[in-house]
Amino acid sequence: MKLFLSFRKPTFNGGSIMETHATYDDVNLVLRLYDLRRESRMRKARDWFATSFKARTKDEFDALCPAGSEENTYFRMVVSYWEMAASFISSQVLNQELFFQSGRELLFVWEKVRDLAPQVREATKDPSFLRNLESVANSYIQWLNKQSPEAYSAFTARVRGMSR
């Protein structure tokens, strides 16, 4: 599948930026992201992450995902995939509203790494670690709360409950 991206310029109306509408390019990128998630090794990584990744501290992470292990590989595959997808939204290459309508797995991943991310940033002296994922997840939370005020709290309670 070939992927062609077109960068959209925001339109201005009386000095304020108007929201852009989703395009066919946005739809194609969402479909491409979905297709990448279906790759067999990525499916295994996502399954492991959803069912087995429960680390909330750097020490728990190091024990669960030691360097060179399959678990470490799976972790990196999942979080780097969603960091990449989030970067498309942060860079305004992908329409945020369209993505939020079907991309809740991004929020699921963020909820599972939310406690860990600041600790990894500190340990690695890399404040940019998962910054796109965090930023887009926070926007997603705001969007979700506008759609249904109780949805996010119920969602995060389920995800956090799975991580125990």
C-alpha atoms as a PDB file:
ATOM      1  CA  MET A   1       0.000   0.000   0.000  1.00  0.00           C
ATOM      2  CA  LYS A   2       1.435   3.379  -0.990  1.00  0.00           C
ATOM      3  CA  LEU A   3       1.033   6.261   1.370  1.00  0.00           C
ATOM      4  CA  PHE A   4       0.914   9.825   0.180  1.00  0.00           C
ATOM      5  CA  LEU A   5       0.676  12.662   2.646  1.00  0.00           C
ATOM      6  CA  SER A   6      -0.367  16.186   1.972  1.00  0.00           C
ATOM      7  CA  PHE A   7       0.317  18.858   4.519  1.00  0.00           C
ATOM      8  CA  ARG A   8      -2.595  21.127   5.146  1.00  0.00           C
ATOM      9  CA  LYS A   9      -2.288  24.737   6.038  1.00  0.00           C
ATOM     10  CA  PRO A  10      -4.719  26.052   8.616  1.00  0.00           C
ATOM     11  CA  THR A  11      -7.214  28.503   7.216  1.00  0.00           C
ATOM     12  CA  PHE A  12      -7.733  31.847   8.850  1.00  0.00           C
ATOM     13  CA  ASN A  13     -11.016  33.571   9.498  1.00  0.00           C
ATOM     14  CA  GLY A  14     -10.801  37.050  10.939  1.00  0.00           C
ATOM     15  CA  GLY A  15      -7.397  36.413  12.465  1.00  0.00           C
ATOM     16  CA  SER A  16      -8.254  33.129  14.168  1.00  0.00           C
ATOM     17  CA  ILE A  17      -7.342  29.662  13.001  1.00  0.00           C
ATOM     18  CA  MET A  18     -10.317  27.616  11.880  1.00  0.00           C
ATOM     19  CA  GLU A  19     -10.325  23.873  12.420  1.00  0.00           C
ATOM     20  CA  THR A  20      -9.486  21.846   9.364  1.00  0.00           C
ATOM     21  CA  HIS A  21     -11.734  19.023   8.285  1.00  0.00           C
ATOM     22  CA  ALA A  22     -10.567  15.468   7.764  1.00  0.00           C
ATOM     23  CA  THR A  23      -9.453  14.664   4.238  1.00  0.00           C
ATOM     24  CA  TYR A  24      -9.115  11.496   2.224  1.00  0.00           C
ATOM     25  CA  ASP A  25      -5.407  11.636   3.092  1.00  0.00           C
ATOM     26  CA  ASP A  26      -6.364  11.511   6.767  1.00  0.00           C
ATOM     27  CA  VAL A  27      -8.595   8.515   6.149  1.00  0.00           C
ATOM     28  CA  ASN A  28      -5.849   6.750   4.205  1.00  0.00           C
ATOM     29  CA  LEU A  29      -3.326   7.398   6.965  1.00  0.00           C
ATOM     30  CA  VAL A  30      -5.699   6.046   9.628  1.00  0.00           C
ATOM     31  CA  LEU A  31      -6.244   2.937   7.488  1.00  0.00           C
ATOM     32  CA  ARG A  32      -2.487   2.556   7.004  1.00  0.00           C
ATOM     33  CA  LEU A  33      -1.905   2.841  10.752  1.00  0.00           C
ATOM     34  CA  TYR A  34      -4.565   0.183  11.277  1.00  0.00           C
ATOM     35  CA  ASP A  35      -2.920  -2.043   8.680  1.00  0.00           C
ATOM     36  CA  LEU A  36       0.465  -1.743  10.405  1.00  0.00           C
ATOM     37  CA  ARG A  37      -1.123  -2.853  13.683  1.00  0.00           C
ATOM     38  CA  ARG A  38      -2.263  -6.062  11.993  1.00  0.00           C
ATOM     39  CA  GLU A  39       1.269  -7.282  11.233  1.00  0.00           C
ATOM     40  CA  SER A  40       1.745 -10.603  13.088  1.00  0.00           C
ATOM     41  CA  ARG A  41       4.683  -9.612  15.288  1.00  0.00           C
ATOM     42  CA  MET A  42       3.017  -6.323  16.150  1.00  0.00           C
ATOM     43  CA  ARG A  43      -0.162  -8.195  17.094  1.00  0.00           C
ATOM     44  CA  LYS A  44       1.888 -10.362  19.477  1.00  0.00           C
ATOM     45  CA  ALA A  45       3.525  -7.273  20.958  1.00  0.00           C
ATOM     46  CA  ARG A  46       0.169  -5.545  21.412  1.00  0.00           C
ATOM     47  CA  ASP A  47      -1.340  -8.656  22.995  1.00  0.00           C
ATOM     48  CA  TRP A  48       1.595  -8.953  25.413  1.00  0.00           C
ATOM     49  CA  PHE A  49       1.385  -5.249  26.246  1.00  0.00           C
ATOM     50  CA  ALA A  50      -2.365  -5.393  26.900  1.00  0.00           C
ATOM     51  CA  THR A  51      -2.258  -8.518  29.044  1.00  0.00           C
ATOM     52  CA  SER A  52       1.189  -8.625  30.664  1.00  0.00           C
ATOM     53  CA  PHE A  53       2.648  -5.132  30.883  1.00  0.00           C
ATOM     54  CA  LYS A  54       1.984  -3.968  34.430  1.00  0.00           C
ATOM     55  CA  ALA A  55       5.100  -1.963  35.300  1.00  0.00           C
ATOM     56  CA  ARG A  56       4.434   1.338  37.004  1.00  0.00           C
ATOM     57  CA  THR A  57       7.959   2.053  38.221  1.00  0.00           C
ATOM     58  CA  LYS A  58      11.347   1.994  36.516  1.00  0.00           C
ATOM     59  CA  ASP A  59      12.427  -0.895  38.777  1.00  0.00           C
ATOM     60  CA  GLU A  60       9.329  -2.910  37.835  1.00  0.00           C
ATOM     61  CA  PHE A  61       9.986  -2.113  34.184  1.00  0.00           C
ATOM     62  CA  ASP A  62      13.621  -3.248  34.405  1.00  0.00           C
ATOM     63  CA  ALA A  63      12.522  -6.520  36.025  1.00  0.00           C
ATOM     64  CA  LEU A  64       9.716  -7.158  33.519  1.00  0.00           C
ATOM     65  CA  CYS A  65      11.509  -5.931  30.385  1.00  0.00           C
ATOM     66  CA  PRO A  66      15.258  -6.430  30.754  1.00  0.00           C
ATOM     67  CA  ALA A  67      17.398  -5.117  27.908  1.00  0.00           C
ATOM     68  CA  GLY A  68      17.629  -7.643  25.089  1.00  0.00           C
ATOM     69  CA  SER A  69      14.516  -9.560  26.140  1.00  0.00           C
ATOM     70  CA  GLU A  70      11.493 -10.256  23.986  1.00  0.00           C
ATOM     71  CA  GLU A  71       9.413  -8.282  26.489  1.00  0.00           C
ATOM     72  CA  ASN A  72      11.660  -5.259  26.012  1.00  0.00           C
ATOM     73  CA  THR A  73      11.281  -5.613  22.254  1.00  0.00           C
ATOM     74  CA  TYR A  74       7.499  -5.840  22.551  1.00  0.00           C
ATOM     75  CA  PHE A  75       7.388  -2.791  24.821  1.00  0.00           C
ATOM     76  CA  ARG A  76       9.495  -0.756  22.400  1.00  0.00           C
ATOM     77  CA  MET A  77       7.404  -1.874  19.414  1.00  0.00           C
ATOM     78  CA  VAL A  78       4.143  -0.803  21.026  1.00  0.00           C
ATOM     79  CA  VAL A  79       5.187   2.505  22.561  1.00  0.00           C
ATOM     80  CA  SER A  80       7.249   3.614  19.555  1.00  0.00           C
ATOM     81  CA  TYR A  81       4.345   2.789  17.221  1.00  0.00           C
ATOM     82  CA  TRP A  82       1.955   4.942  19.250  1.00  0.00           C
ATOM     83  CA  GLU A  83       4.551   7.697  19.705  1.00  0.00           C
ATOM     84  CA  MET A  84       4.891   7.746  15.910  1.00  0.00           C
ATOM     85  CA  ALA A  85       1.113   7.869  15.398  1.00  0.00           C
ATOM     86  CA  ALA A  86       0.867  10.666  17.973  1.00  0.00           C
ATOM     87  CA  SER A  87       3.598  12.600  16.168  1.00  0.00           C
ATOM     88  CA  PHE A  88       1.403  12.677  13.053  1.00  0.00           C
ATOM     89  CA  ILE A  89      -1.321  14.354  15.085  1.00  0.00           C
ATOM     90  CA  SER A  90       1.077  16.697  16.917  1.00  0.00           C
ATOM     91  CA  SER A  91       2.542  17.758  13.579  1.00  0.00           C
ATOM     92  CA  GLN A  92      -0.938  18.288  12.131  1.00  0.00           C
ATOM     93  CA  VAL A  93      -0.341  15.715   9.418  1.00  0.00           C
ATOM     94  CA  LEU A  94      -3.310  13.681  10.684  1.00  0.00           C
ATOM     95  CA  ASN A  95      -6.672  15.136  11.669  1.00  0.00           C
ATOM     96  CA  GLN A  96      -7.019  14.759  15.423  1.00  0.00           C
ATOM     97  CA  GLU A  97     -10.823  14.577  15.464  1.00  0.00           C
ATOM     98  CA  LEU A  98     -10.886  11.764  12.914  1.00  0.00           C
ATOM     99  CA  PHE A  99      -8.202   9.819  14.752  1.00  0.00           C
ATOM    100  CA  PHE A 100      -9.952  10.146  18.113  1.00  0.00           C
ATOM    101  CA  GLN A 101     -13.103   8.561  16.712  1.00  0.00           C
ATOM    102  CA  SER A 102     -11.357   5.207  16.294  1.00  0.00           C
ATOM    103  CA  GLY A 103      -7.941   5.375  17.986  1.00  0.00           C
ATOM    104  CA  ARG A 104      -8.675   4.692  21.639  1.00  0.00           C
ATOM    105  CA  GLU A 105      -5.822   2.186  21.816  1.00  0.00           C
ATOM    106  CA  LEU A 106      -3.470   5.187  21.933  1.00  0.00           C
ATOM    107  CA  LEU A 107      -5.139   6.279  25.161  1.00  0.00           C
ATOM    108  CA  PHE A 108      -4.978   2.713  26.486  1.00  0.00           C
ATOM    109  CA  VAL A 109      -1.219   2.624  25.893  1.00  0.00           C
ATOM    110  CA  TRP A 110      -0.717   6.025  27.535  1.00  0.00           C
ATOM    111  CA  GLU A 111      -2.687   4.954  30.619  1.00  0.00           C
ATOM    112  CA  LYS A 112      -0.446   1.906  30.982  1.00  0.00           C
ATOM    113  CA  VAL A 113       2.796   3.947  30.762  1.00  0.00           C
ATOM    114  CA  ARG A 114       1.619   7.182  32.373  1.00  0.00           C
ATOM    115  CA  ASP A 115       3.316   6.528  35.734  1.00  0.00           C
ATOM    116  CA  LEU A 116       6.436   5.093  34.137  1.00  0.00           C
ATOM    117  CA  ALA A 117       7.154   7.796  31.544  1.00  0.00           C
ATOM    118  CA  PRO A 118       8.419  10.511  33.939  1.00  0.00           C
ATOM    119  CA  GLN A 119      10.712   7.998  35.627  1.00  0.00           C
ATOM    120  CA  VAL A 120      12.198   6.890  32.305  1.00  0.00           C
ATOM    121  CA  ARG A 121      12.646  10.525  31.267  1.00  0.00           C
ATOM    122  CA  GLU A 122      14.573  11.184  34.473  1.00  0.00           C
ATOM    123  CA  ALA A 123      16.673   8.004  34.294  1.00  0.00           C
ATOM    124  CA  THR A 124      17.615   8.547  30.652  1.00  0.00           C
ATOM    125  CA  LYS A 125      17.891  12.338  30.863  1.00  0.00           C
ATOM    126  CA  ASP A 126      15.503  12.438  27.900  1.00  0.00           C
ATOM    127  CA  PRO A 127      12.584  14.782  28.569  1.00  0.00           C
ATOM    128  CA  SER A 128      11.187  14.081  25.093  1.00  0.00           C
ATOM    129  CA  PHE A 129      10.497  10.382  25.802  1.00  0.00           C
ATOM    130  CA  LEU A 130       6.875   9.750  24.738  1.00  0.00           C
ATOM    131  CA  ARG A 131       6.095  13.479  24.657  1.00  0.00           C
ATOM    132  CA  ASN A 132       3.887  13.175  21.565  1.00  0.00           C
ATOM    133  CA  LEU A 133       2.010  10.266  23.103  1.00  0.00           C
ATOM    134  CA  GLU A 134       1.459  12.227  26.319  1.00  0.00           C
ATOM    135  CA  SER A 135       0.364  15.391  24.536  1.00  0.00           C
ATOM    136  CA  VAL A 136      -2.077  13.635  22.217  1.00  0.00           C
ATOM    137  CA  ALA A 137      -3.411  11.479  25.068  1.00  0.00           C
ATOM    138  CA  ASN A 138      -4.131  14.615  27.096  1.00  0.00           C
ATOM    139  CA  SER A 139      -5.984  16.103  24.114  1.00  0.00           C
ATOM    140  CA  TYR A 140      -7.824  12.809  23.709  1.00  0.00           C
ATOM    141  CA  ILE A 141      -8.905  12.946  27.364  1.00  0.00           C
ATOM    142  CA  GLN A 142     -10.324  16.441  26.845  1.00  0.00           C
ATOM    143  CA  TRP A 143     -12.108  15.314  23.676  1.00  0.00           C
ATOM    144  CA  LEU A 144     -13.510  12.216  25.370  1.00  0.00           C
ATOM    145  CA  ASN A 145     -14.743  14.220  28.361  1.00  0.00           C
ATOM    146  CA  LYS A 146     -16.603  16.552  25.984  1.00  0.00           C
ATOM    147  CA  GLN A 147     -18.245  13.576  24.266  1.00  0.00           C
ATOM    148  CA  SER A 148     -19.218  11.823  27.481  1.00  0.00           C
ATOM    149  CA  PRO A 149     -18.145  13.303  30.814  1.00  0.00           C
ATOM    150  CA  GLU A 150     -17.924   9.946  32.619  1.00  0.00           C
ATOM    151  CA  ALA A 151     -16.275   7.926  29.848  1.00  0.00           C
ATOM    152  CA  TYR A 152     -12.650   8.759  30.650  1.00  0.00           C
ATOM    153  CA  SER A 153     -12.906   8.066  34.372  1.00  0.00           C
ATOM    154  CA  ALA A 154     -14.574   4.710  33.652  1.00  0.00           C
ATOM    155  CA  PHE A 155     -11.999   3.915  30.960  1.00  0.00           C
ATOM    156  CA  THR A 156      -8.984   4.746  33.107  1.00  0.00           C
ATOM    157  CA  ALA A 157     -10.414   2.795  36.057  1.00  0.00           C
ATOM    158  CA  ARG A 158     -10.695  -0.286  33.818  1.00  0.00           C
ATOM    159  CA  VAL A 159      -7.185   0.133  32.409  1.00  0.00           C
ATOM    160  CA  ARG A 160      -5.613   0.868  35.786  1.00  0.00           C
ATOM    161  CA  GLY A 161      -7.465  -2.112  37.266  1.00  0.00           C
ATOM    162  CA  MET A 162      -5.987  -4.368  34.574  1.00  0.00           C
ATOM    163  CA  SER A 163      -2.501  -3.201  35.526  1.00  0.00           C
ATOM    164  CA  ARG A 164      -2.555  -4.597  39.042  1.00  0.00           C
END
